[in-house]
N, C-alpha and C. Protein backbone atom coordinates (compact mmCIF):
# COMPACT_ATOMS: atom_id res chain seq x y z
N MET A 1 0.78 -1.47 -0.06
CA MET A 1 -0.14 0.01 -0.07
C MET A 1 0.76 1.18 0.01
N LYS A 2 0.49 2.13 -0.74
CA LYS A 2 1.38 3.32 -1.06
C LYS A 2 0.60 4.39 -0.47
N THR A 3 1.23 5.79 0.38
CA THR A 3 0.52 6.84 0.94
C THR A 3 0.99 7.93 0.29
N THR A 4 -0.15 8.76 -0.15
CA THR A 4 0.56 10.09 -0.61
C THR A 4 0.12 11.27 0.89
N ASP A 5 0.39 12.47 0.25
CA ASP A 5 0.20 13.51 1.26
C ASP A 5 -1.09 13.56 1.77
N SER A 6 -2.27 13.21 1.13
CA SER A 6 -3.52 13.29 1.65
C SER A 6 -4.64 11.90 1.39
N HIS A 7 -3.99 11.34 0.78
CA HIS A 7 -4.89 10.12 0.27
C HIS A 7 -4.01 8.91 0.43
N GLN A 8 -4.65 7.75 0.95
CA GLN A 8 -4.26 6.50 0.81
C GLN A 8 -4.49 5.67 -0.77
N HIS A 9 -3.32 5.21 -1.27
CA HIS A 9 -3.88 4.51 -2.48
C HIS A 9 -2.97 3.24 -2.55
N GLU A 10 -3.78 2.33 -2.98
CA GLU A 10 -3.10 0.78 -2.99
C GLU A 10 -2.98 0.69 -4.58
N GLY A 11 -1.78 -0.04 -4.82
CA GLY A 11 -1.45 -0.29 -6.43
C GLY A 11 -0.22 -0.62 -6.37
N PHE A 12 0.56 -0.59 -7.55
CA PHE A 12 1.71 -0.84 -7.90
C PHE A 12 2.58 0.35 -7.79
N SER A 13 3.89 -0.07 -7.39
CA SER A 13 4.88 1.09 -7.06
C SER A 13 5.25 1.67 -8.67
N ALA A 14 5.87 2.73 -8.99
CA ALA A 14 6.06 3.38 -10.00
C ALA A 14 7.06 2.45 -11.07
N GLU A 15 8.17 1.82 -10.39
CA GLU A 15 8.85 0.70 -10.93
C GLU A 15 8.19 -0.41 -11.45
N GLU A 16 7.20 -0.79 -10.49
CA GLU A 16 6.22 -2.03 -11.00
C GLU A 16 5.62 -1.77 -12.41
N ARG A 17 4.96 -0.49 -12.39
CA ARG A 17 4.20 -0.20 -13.51
C ARG A 17 5.14 0.11 -14.75
N ALA A 18 6.40 0.56 -14.75
CA ALA A 18 7.47 0.89 -15.69
C ALA A 18 7.54 -0.53 -16.08
N ALA A 19 8.00 -1.66 -15.21
CA ALA A 19 8.15 -3.02 -15.88
C ALA A 19 6.98 -3.48 -16.44
N MET A 20 5.75 -3.35 -15.92
CA MET A 20 4.40 -3.86 -16.87
C MET A 20 4.36 -3.31 -18.21
N LYS A 21 4.54 -2.21 -18.06
CA LYS A 21 4.50 -1.38 -19.58
C LYS A 21 5.51 -1.69 -20.29
N GLU A 22 6.84 -1.84 -19.90
CA GLU A 22 7.90 -2.44 -20.86
C GLU A 22 7.47 -3.99 -21.47
N HIS A 23 6.77 -4.80 -20.44
CA HIS A 23 6.47 -6.31 -20.78
C HIS A 23 5.34 -6.10 -21.47
N ALA A 24 4.45 -5.04 -21.51
CA ALA A 24 3.16 -5.13 -22.63
C ALA A 24 3.96 -4.48 -23.67
N ARG A 25 4.81 -3.75 -24.03
CA ARG A 25 5.26 -3.36 -25.26
C ARG A 25 6.10 -4.60 -26.12
N GLU A 26 6.72 -5.41 -25.20
CA GLU A 26 7.25 -6.60 -25.74
C GLU A 26 6.25 -7.18 -26.28
N VAL A 27 5.51 -7.81 -25.52
CA VAL A 27 4.33 -8.78 -25.95
C VAL A 27 3.61 -8.27 -27.06
N LYS A 28 3.42 -6.81 -27.29
CA LYS A 28 2.73 -6.25 -28.30
C LYS A 28 3.55 -6.59 -29.72
N LYS A 29 4.70 -6.06 -29.47
CA LYS A 29 5.64 -6.22 -30.59
C LYS A 29 5.79 -7.79 -30.92
N ALA A 30 5.69 -8.50 -30.28
CA ALA A 30 6.09 -10.02 -30.72
C ALA A 30 4.67 -10.56 -31.41
N ALA A 31 3.46 -9.88 -30.76
CA ALA A 31 2.46 -10.29 -31.36
C ALA A 31 2.19 -9.57 -32.63
N ARG A 32 2.57 -8.36 -32.95
CA ARG A 32 2.60 -7.92 -34.17
C ARG A 32 3.43 -8.48 -34.99
N ARG A 33 4.75 -8.94 -34.78
CA ARG A 33 5.35 -9.97 -35.91
C ARG A 33 4.71 -11.01 -36.18
N VAL A 34 4.11 -11.64 -35.33
CA VAL A 34 3.31 -12.91 -35.67
C VAL A 34 2.00 -12.62 -36.33
N SER A 35 1.13 -11.67 -35.82
CA SER A 35 -0.06 -11.47 -36.50
C SER A 35 0.11 -10.74 -37.86
N ARG A 36 1.09 -9.85 -38.28
CA ARG A 36 1.11 -9.54 -39.57
C ARG A 36 1.45 -10.59 -40.42
N GLU A 37 2.17 -11.59 -39.87
CA GLU A 37 2.55 -12.42 -41.01
C GLU A 37 1.60 -13.58 -41.22
N GLU A 38 0.67 -13.47 -40.01
CA GLU A 38 -0.61 -14.54 -40.21
C GLU A 38 -1.50 -13.94 -41.10
N LYS A 39 -1.84 -12.44 -40.45
CA LYS A 39 -2.62 -12.00 -41.35
C LYS A 39 -2.45 -11.64 -42.73
N ALA A 40 -1.30 -11.32 -43.10
CA ALA A 40 -1.10 -11.43 -44.40
C ALA A 40 -1.41 -12.69 -45.07
N ALA A 41 -0.83 -13.76 -44.51
CA ALA A 41 -1.06 -15.08 -45.34
C ALA A 41 -2.62 -15.43 -45.18
N GLU A 42 -3.10 -14.98 -44.05
CA GLU A 42 -4.73 -15.32 -43.96
C GLU A 42 -5.42 -14.40 -45.33
N ALA A 43 -5.08 -13.38 -45.14
CA ALA A 43 -5.46 -12.34 -46.35
C ALA A 43 -5.35 -12.94 -47.77
N VAL A 44 -4.19 -13.66 -48.22
CA VAL A 44 -4.08 -14.12 -49.16
C VAL A 44 -4.98 -15.49 -49.34
N ARG A 45 -5.17 -16.05 -48.53
CA ARG A 45 -5.85 -17.33 -48.56
C ARG A 45 -7.49 -16.79 -48.62
N ASP A 46 -7.82 -15.74 -48.04
CA ASP A 46 -9.25 -15.26 -48.16
C ASP A 46 -9.54 -14.83 -49.71
N VAL A 47 -8.53 -14.13 -50.31
CA VAL A 47 -8.48 -13.71 -51.53
C VAL A 47 -8.71 -15.07 -52.74
N LEU A 48 -7.97 -15.64 -52.53
CA LEU A 48 -7.95 -17.17 -53.13
C LEU A 48 -9.11 -17.94 -53.27
N ALA A 49 -9.72 -17.80 -52.14
CA ALA A 49 -11.16 -18.35 -51.90
C ALA A 49 -12.19 -17.63 -52.37
N LYS A 50 -12.03 -16.34 -52.44
CA LYS A 50 -13.02 -15.43 -52.71
C LYS A 50 -12.99 -15.71 -54.37
N ILE A 51 -11.97 -15.82 -54.65
CA ILE A 51 -11.55 -15.81 -56.44
C ILE A 51 -12.16 -17.39 -56.73
N ALA A 52 -12.06 -18.40 -56.14
CA ALA A 52 -12.27 -19.71 -56.40
C ALA A 52 -13.90 -20.09 -56.44
N GLY A 53 -14.34 -19.26 -55.37
CA GLY A 53 -16.10 -19.05 -55.58
C GLY A 53 -16.68 -18.29 -56.23
N MET A 54 -16.05 -17.79 -57.28
CA MET A 54 -16.64 -16.95 -58.35
C MET A 54 -17.05 -18.05 -59.32
N PRO A 55 -18.02 -17.36 -60.37
CA PRO A 55 -18.66 -18.16 -61.51
C PRO A 55 -17.33 -18.54 -62.57
N ASP A 56 -17.56 -19.40 -63.27
CA ASP A 56 -16.22 -19.72 -64.12
C ASP A 56 -15.93 -18.33 -64.95
N ALA A 57 -16.56 -17.74 -65.37
CA ALA A 57 -16.03 -16.62 -66.48
C ALA A 57 -15.30 -15.51 -65.76
N ASP A 58 -15.73 -15.24 -64.49
CA ASP A 58 -15.47 -14.14 -63.46
C ASP A 58 -14.05 -15.05 -62.87
N ARG A 59 -14.13 -16.12 -62.22
CA ARG A 59 -13.15 -16.75 -61.61
C ARG A 59 -11.68 -16.89 -62.87
N VAL A 60 -12.00 -17.28 -63.85
CA VAL A 60 -10.74 -17.24 -65.08
C VAL A 60 -10.18 -15.74 -65.05
N MET A 61 -11.11 -14.92 -65.31
CA MET A 61 -10.55 -13.32 -65.17
C MET A 61 -9.43 -13.12 -64.04
N ALA A 62 -10.44 -13.44 -62.59
CA ALA A 62 -9.75 -12.91 -61.38
C ALA A 62 -8.57 -13.44 -61.08
N GLU A 63 -8.38 -14.79 -61.61
CA GLU A 63 -7.26 -15.90 -61.48
C GLU A 63 -5.89 -15.01 -62.41
N ARG A 64 -6.26 -14.62 -63.55
CA ARG A 64 -5.12 -13.96 -64.50
C ARG A 64 -5.08 -12.69 -63.72
N VAL A 65 -6.08 -11.73 -63.35
CA VAL A 65 -5.61 -10.58 -62.73
C VAL A 65 -4.96 -10.58 -61.32
N HIS A 66 -5.17 -11.65 -60.88
CA HIS A 66 -4.51 -11.64 -59.41
C HIS A 66 -3.02 -12.02 -59.85
N ALA A 67 -3.08 -12.94 -60.88
CA ALA A 67 -1.43 -13.32 -61.20
C ALA A 67 -0.53 -11.98 -61.43
N VAL A 68 -1.08 -11.55 -62.55
CA VAL A 68 -0.84 -10.49 -63.09
C VAL A 68 -0.17 -9.06 -62.08
N ILE A 69 -1.53 -9.02 -61.24
CA ILE A 69 -1.03 -7.83 -60.19
C ILE A 69 0.20 -8.40 -59.37
N THR A 70 0.07 -9.61 -58.73
CA THR A 70 1.04 -9.85 -57.65
C THR A 70 2.56 -10.00 -58.80
N ALA A 71 2.55 -10.20 -59.49
CA ALA A 71 3.87 -10.56 -60.63
C ALA A 71 4.48 -9.02 -60.86
N SER A 72 3.37 -8.10 -61.12
CA SER A 72 3.90 -6.80 -61.34
C SER A 72 4.31 -6.04 -60.23
N ALA A 73 3.66 -5.95 -59.15
CA ALA A 73 3.80 -4.90 -58.10
C ALA A 73 3.71 -6.14 -56.94
N PRO A 74 4.85 -6.75 -56.53
CA PRO A 74 4.97 -7.65 -55.51
C PRO A 74 4.72 -6.80 -54.06
N GLU A 75 4.98 -5.45 -54.50
CA GLU A 75 4.49 -4.77 -52.81
C GLU A 75 3.48 -4.49 -52.44
N LEU A 76 2.29 -5.08 -53.46
CA LEU A 76 1.03 -4.84 -53.13
C LEU A 76 0.40 -6.22 -52.36
N ALA A 77 -0.02 -5.96 -51.13
CA ALA A 77 -0.44 -7.10 -50.18
C ALA A 77 -2.04 -7.37 -50.68
N PRO A 78 -2.36 -8.59 -51.16
CA PRO A 78 -3.68 -9.01 -51.53
C PRO A 78 -4.54 -9.03 -50.17
N ARG A 79 -5.81 -8.64 -50.54
CA ARG A 79 -6.81 -8.82 -49.19
C ARG A 79 -8.04 -8.26 -49.60
N LEU A 80 -9.31 -9.00 -48.91
CA LEU A 80 -10.56 -8.39 -49.28
C LEU A 80 -10.96 -7.08 -48.86
N TRP A 81 -11.74 -6.59 -49.88
CA TRP A 81 -12.20 -5.22 -49.56
C TRP A 81 -13.70 -5.21 -49.97
N TYR A 82 -14.47 -4.73 -49.20
CA TYR A 82 -16.00 -4.96 -49.66
C TYR A 82 -16.39 -6.38 -50.24
N GLY A 83 -15.58 -7.39 -49.68
CA GLY A 83 -15.94 -8.64 -50.42
C GLY A 83 -15.43 -9.07 -51.92
N MET A 84 -14.50 -8.08 -52.30
CA MET A 84 -13.60 -8.23 -53.54
C MET A 84 -12.17 -8.52 -53.26
N PRO A 85 -11.61 -9.07 -54.02
CA PRO A 85 -10.31 -9.03 -54.04
C PRO A 85 -9.53 -7.83 -54.20
N ALA A 86 -8.58 -7.28 -53.68
CA ALA A 86 -8.15 -5.91 -53.35
C ALA A 86 -6.63 -6.10 -53.23
N TYR A 87 -5.91 -5.25 -53.80
CA TYR A 87 -4.43 -5.09 -53.47
C TYR A 87 -3.75 -3.70 -52.87
N ALA A 88 -3.39 -3.86 -51.64
CA ALA A 88 -3.16 -2.55 -50.78
C ALA A 88 -1.58 -2.79 -50.89
N LEU A 89 -1.49 -1.23 -50.69
CA LEU A 89 0.01 -0.67 -50.26
C LEU A 89 0.05 -0.02 -48.75
N ASP A 90 0.69 -0.40 -47.96
CA ASP A 90 0.81 -0.02 -46.55
C ASP A 90 -0.58 0.31 -46.12
N GLY A 91 -1.17 -0.84 -46.48
CA GLY A 91 -2.71 -0.86 -45.74
C GLY A 91 -4.06 -0.15 -46.62
N GLY A 92 -3.58 0.82 -47.61
CA GLY A 92 -4.71 1.03 -48.09
C GLY A 92 -4.88 0.63 -49.71
N VAL A 93 -5.80 0.37 -50.05
CA VAL A 93 -6.32 -0.42 -51.14
C VAL A 93 -5.94 0.66 -52.67
N VAL A 94 -4.91 -0.11 -53.56
CA VAL A 94 -4.87 0.81 -54.69
C VAL A 94 -5.41 -0.03 -55.69
N CYS A 95 -5.93 -1.13 -55.95
CA CYS A 95 -6.68 -1.55 -57.16
C CYS A 95 -7.64 -2.77 -56.55
N PHE A 96 -8.57 -3.09 -57.29
CA PHE A 96 -9.44 -4.48 -56.65
C PHE A 96 -9.93 -4.95 -58.11
N PHE A 97 -10.46 -5.97 -57.71
CA PHE A 97 -11.26 -6.82 -59.12
C PHE A 97 -12.73 -6.89 -58.54
N GLN A 98 -13.74 -6.38 -59.58
CA GLN A 98 -14.91 -6.50 -58.98
C GLN A 98 -15.80 -7.62 -60.02
N SER A 99 -16.20 -8.78 -59.75
CA SER A 99 -16.59 -9.76 -60.60
C SER A 99 -17.95 -9.03 -60.95
N ALA A 100 -18.42 -9.28 -62.16
CA ALA A 100 -19.78 -9.26 -62.85
C ALA A 100 -20.59 -9.48 -62.15
N GLU A 101 -20.54 -10.69 -61.27
CA GLU A 101 -21.83 -11.05 -60.31
C GLU A 101 -21.71 -10.18 -59.41
N LYS A 102 -21.02 -9.69 -58.81
CA LYS A 102 -21.15 -8.88 -57.54
C LYS A 102 -22.29 -7.89 -57.65
N PHE A 103 -22.45 -7.18 -58.83
CA PHE A 103 -23.48 -6.33 -58.51
C PHE A 103 -24.35 -6.58 -60.11
N LYS A 104 -24.53 -7.81 -60.54
CA LYS A 104 -25.05 -8.27 -61.64
C LYS A 104 -25.16 -7.45 -62.77
N SER A 105 -23.46 -7.06 -62.85
CA SER A 105 -23.13 -6.07 -64.26
C SER A 105 -22.89 -6.99 -65.32
N ARG A 106 -23.00 -6.48 -66.67
CA ARG A 106 -22.46 -7.36 -67.80
C ARG A 106 -21.20 -7.70 -67.73
N TYR A 107 -20.35 -6.86 -67.25
CA TYR A 107 -18.85 -6.95 -67.06
C TYR A 107 -18.15 -6.97 -65.77
N ALA A 108 -16.88 -7.70 -65.56
CA ALA A 108 -16.29 -7.12 -64.28
C ALA A 108 -15.39 -6.08 -64.56
N THR A 109 -14.80 -5.68 -63.27
CA THR A 109 -14.10 -4.28 -63.63
C THR A 109 -12.95 -4.53 -62.80
N LEU A 110 -12.05 -3.68 -63.25
CA LEU A 110 -10.57 -3.55 -62.50
C LEU A 110 -10.51 -2.04 -62.17
N GLY A 111 -10.64 -1.69 -60.79
CA GLY A 111 -10.75 -0.30 -60.33
C GLY A 111 -9.47 -0.22 -59.72
N PHE A 112 -9.36 1.25 -59.45
CA PHE A 112 -8.26 1.81 -59.04
C PHE A 112 -8.70 2.99 -57.92
N SER A 113 -8.21 3.04 -56.73
CA SER A 113 -8.63 3.82 -55.73
C SER A 113 -7.77 5.24 -56.19
N ASP A 114 -8.08 6.13 -55.28
CA ASP A 114 -7.19 7.36 -55.39
C ASP A 114 -5.80 7.66 -55.09
N ARG A 115 -5.26 6.38 -54.35
CA ARG A 115 -4.11 6.09 -53.81
C ARG A 115 -3.15 5.47 -55.24
N ALA A 116 -3.87 4.97 -56.37
CA ALA A 116 -3.47 4.76 -57.70
C ALA A 116 -2.71 6.06 -58.02
N ARG A 117 -1.43 6.01 -58.80
CA ARG A 117 -0.84 6.81 -59.31
C ARG A 117 -1.13 7.24 -60.63
N LEU A 118 -2.13 7.02 -61.21
CA LEU A 118 -2.45 7.13 -62.52
C LEU A 118 -2.94 8.49 -63.15
N ASP A 119 -2.63 9.54 -62.24
CA ASP A 119 -2.76 10.93 -62.98
C ASP A 119 -2.35 11.35 -64.26
N ASP A 120 -3.25 11.79 -64.99
CA ASP A 120 -2.95 12.07 -66.28
C ASP A 120 -3.54 13.27 -66.73
N GLY A 121 -3.49 14.47 -66.43
CA GLY A 121 -3.93 15.69 -66.79
C GLY A 121 -4.91 15.88 -65.74
N PRO A 122 -6.06 16.61 -66.08
CA PRO A 122 -7.52 16.88 -65.30
C PRO A 122 -8.32 15.72 -65.34
N MET A 123 -8.20 14.83 -66.13
CA MET A 123 -8.95 13.63 -66.28
C MET A 123 -8.28 12.05 -66.37
N TRP A 124 -8.54 11.12 -65.77
CA TRP A 124 -8.08 9.79 -66.27
C TRP A 124 -9.06 8.63 -65.82
N PRO A 125 -8.88 7.46 -66.31
CA PRO A 125 -9.91 6.63 -66.02
C PRO A 125 -9.13 5.83 -64.53
N ALA A 126 -10.47 5.49 -63.96
CA ALA A 126 -10.03 4.79 -62.50
C ALA A 126 -10.58 3.52 -62.48
N ALA A 127 -11.21 2.91 -63.53
CA ALA A 127 -12.01 1.64 -63.60
C ALA A 127 -12.09 1.26 -64.85
N PHE A 128 -11.84 -0.07 -65.25
CA PHE A 128 -11.98 -0.67 -66.31
C PHE A 128 -12.69 -1.76 -66.75
N ALA A 129 -13.54 -2.04 -67.69
CA ALA A 129 -14.64 -2.90 -67.66
C ALA A 129 -13.74 -4.29 -68.49
N LEU A 130 -13.99 -5.21 -67.87
CA LEU A 130 -13.15 -6.42 -68.47
C LEU A 130 -14.21 -7.70 -68.71
N THR A 131 -13.88 -7.88 -70.12
CA THR A 131 -14.85 -9.20 -70.63
C THR A 131 -14.21 -10.46 -70.62
N GLU A 132 -12.76 -10.09 -71.10
CA GLU A 132 -11.80 -11.30 -70.97
C GLU A 132 -10.53 -10.75 -70.76
N VAL A 133 -9.35 -11.69 -70.05
CA VAL A 133 -8.02 -11.27 -70.32
C VAL A 133 -7.24 -12.10 -71.01
N THR A 134 -7.02 -11.15 -71.98
CA THR A 134 -5.94 -11.79 -73.13
C THR A 134 -4.35 -10.99 -72.97
N ALA A 135 -3.55 -11.88 -73.64
CA ALA A 135 -2.15 -11.26 -73.48
C ALA A 135 -2.13 -9.66 -73.32
N GLU A 136 -2.91 -9.16 -74.26
CA GLU A 136 -2.95 -7.99 -74.48
C GLU A 136 -3.21 -7.12 -73.16
N VAL A 137 -4.59 -7.77 -72.88
CA VAL A 137 -4.96 -7.16 -71.72
C VAL A 137 -4.28 -7.45 -70.30
N GLU A 138 -3.59 -8.63 -70.17
CA GLU A 138 -2.32 -8.67 -69.13
C GLU A 138 -1.40 -7.47 -69.12
N ALA A 139 -0.99 -7.23 -70.38
CA ALA A 139 0.05 -6.18 -70.37
C ALA A 139 -0.28 -5.06 -70.11
N ARG A 140 -1.39 -4.69 -70.61
CA ARG A 140 -2.06 -3.31 -70.04
C ARG A 140 -2.28 -3.32 -68.41
N ILE A 141 -2.80 -4.22 -67.85
CA ILE A 141 -2.78 -4.40 -66.43
C ILE A 141 -1.79 -4.17 -65.73
N ALA A 142 -0.60 -5.04 -66.17
CA ALA A 142 0.75 -4.93 -65.49
C ALA A 142 1.20 -3.19 -65.43
N GLY A 143 1.14 -2.96 -66.94
CA GLY A 143 1.61 -1.43 -66.84
C GLY A 143 0.82 -0.34 -66.07
N LEU A 144 -0.42 -0.53 -66.04
CA LEU A 144 -1.58 0.16 -65.00
C LEU A 144 -0.89 0.32 -63.49
N VAL A 145 -0.70 -1.31 -63.34
CA VAL A 145 -0.47 -1.32 -61.69
C VAL A 145 1.14 -0.94 -61.46
N LYS A 146 1.97 -1.00 -62.16
CA LYS A 146 3.08 -0.58 -62.12
C LYS A 146 3.25 0.86 -61.99
N GLN A 147 2.52 1.48 -62.50
CA GLN A 147 2.22 3.06 -62.55
C GLN A 147 1.60 3.45 -61.56
N ALA A 148 0.64 2.86 -60.96
CA ALA A 148 -0.35 2.81 -59.88
C ALA A 148 0.46 2.76 -58.69
N VAL A 149 1.81 2.15 -58.54
CA VAL A 149 2.54 2.32 -57.52
C VAL A 149 3.76 2.83 -57.42
N SER A 150 3.97 3.70 -58.68
CA SER A 150 5.36 4.20 -58.73
C SER A 150 5.31 5.65 -57.81
N GLU A 151 6.58 6.03 -57.79
CA GLU A 151 6.95 7.09 -56.97
C GLU A 151 6.09 8.49 -57.28
N SER A 152 6.01 8.66 -58.62
CA SER A 152 5.45 9.76 -59.23
C SER A 152 4.41 9.59 -60.50
N PRO A 153 3.25 10.37 -60.57
CA PRO A 153 2.04 9.82 -61.35
C PRO A 153 2.84 10.32 -62.79
């Protein structure tokens, strides 16, 4: 029990509190290392499972888009975003694949957030309709994704 000038106070000493805070920092640091790795691996599994569950036409395109994005910009981390496969940089989504089925659209969409560095004058596209992923489309996606994560627009 610790006594102050006018109050009695039960609790830990300053040294004990400092030791507990230090231990808490160590535990949090260790948990972050493990949880970041586990969260990243779990996020990739979630994205792949979401893609696998898509109707065939969307699934085939999403598999190709996923492969192109992860090869072109390995710094992007796959994750789900509003139930869609997405790719983030430092926690913020840069681009995403929206299946045609998601909103009963006639085409799938490759979209880019405002974090993507696709700026081209006062107006530029931020979403692209996809009906199939050909070699030409793959090359265009690769170029867009590389530009999206580049240092300058």
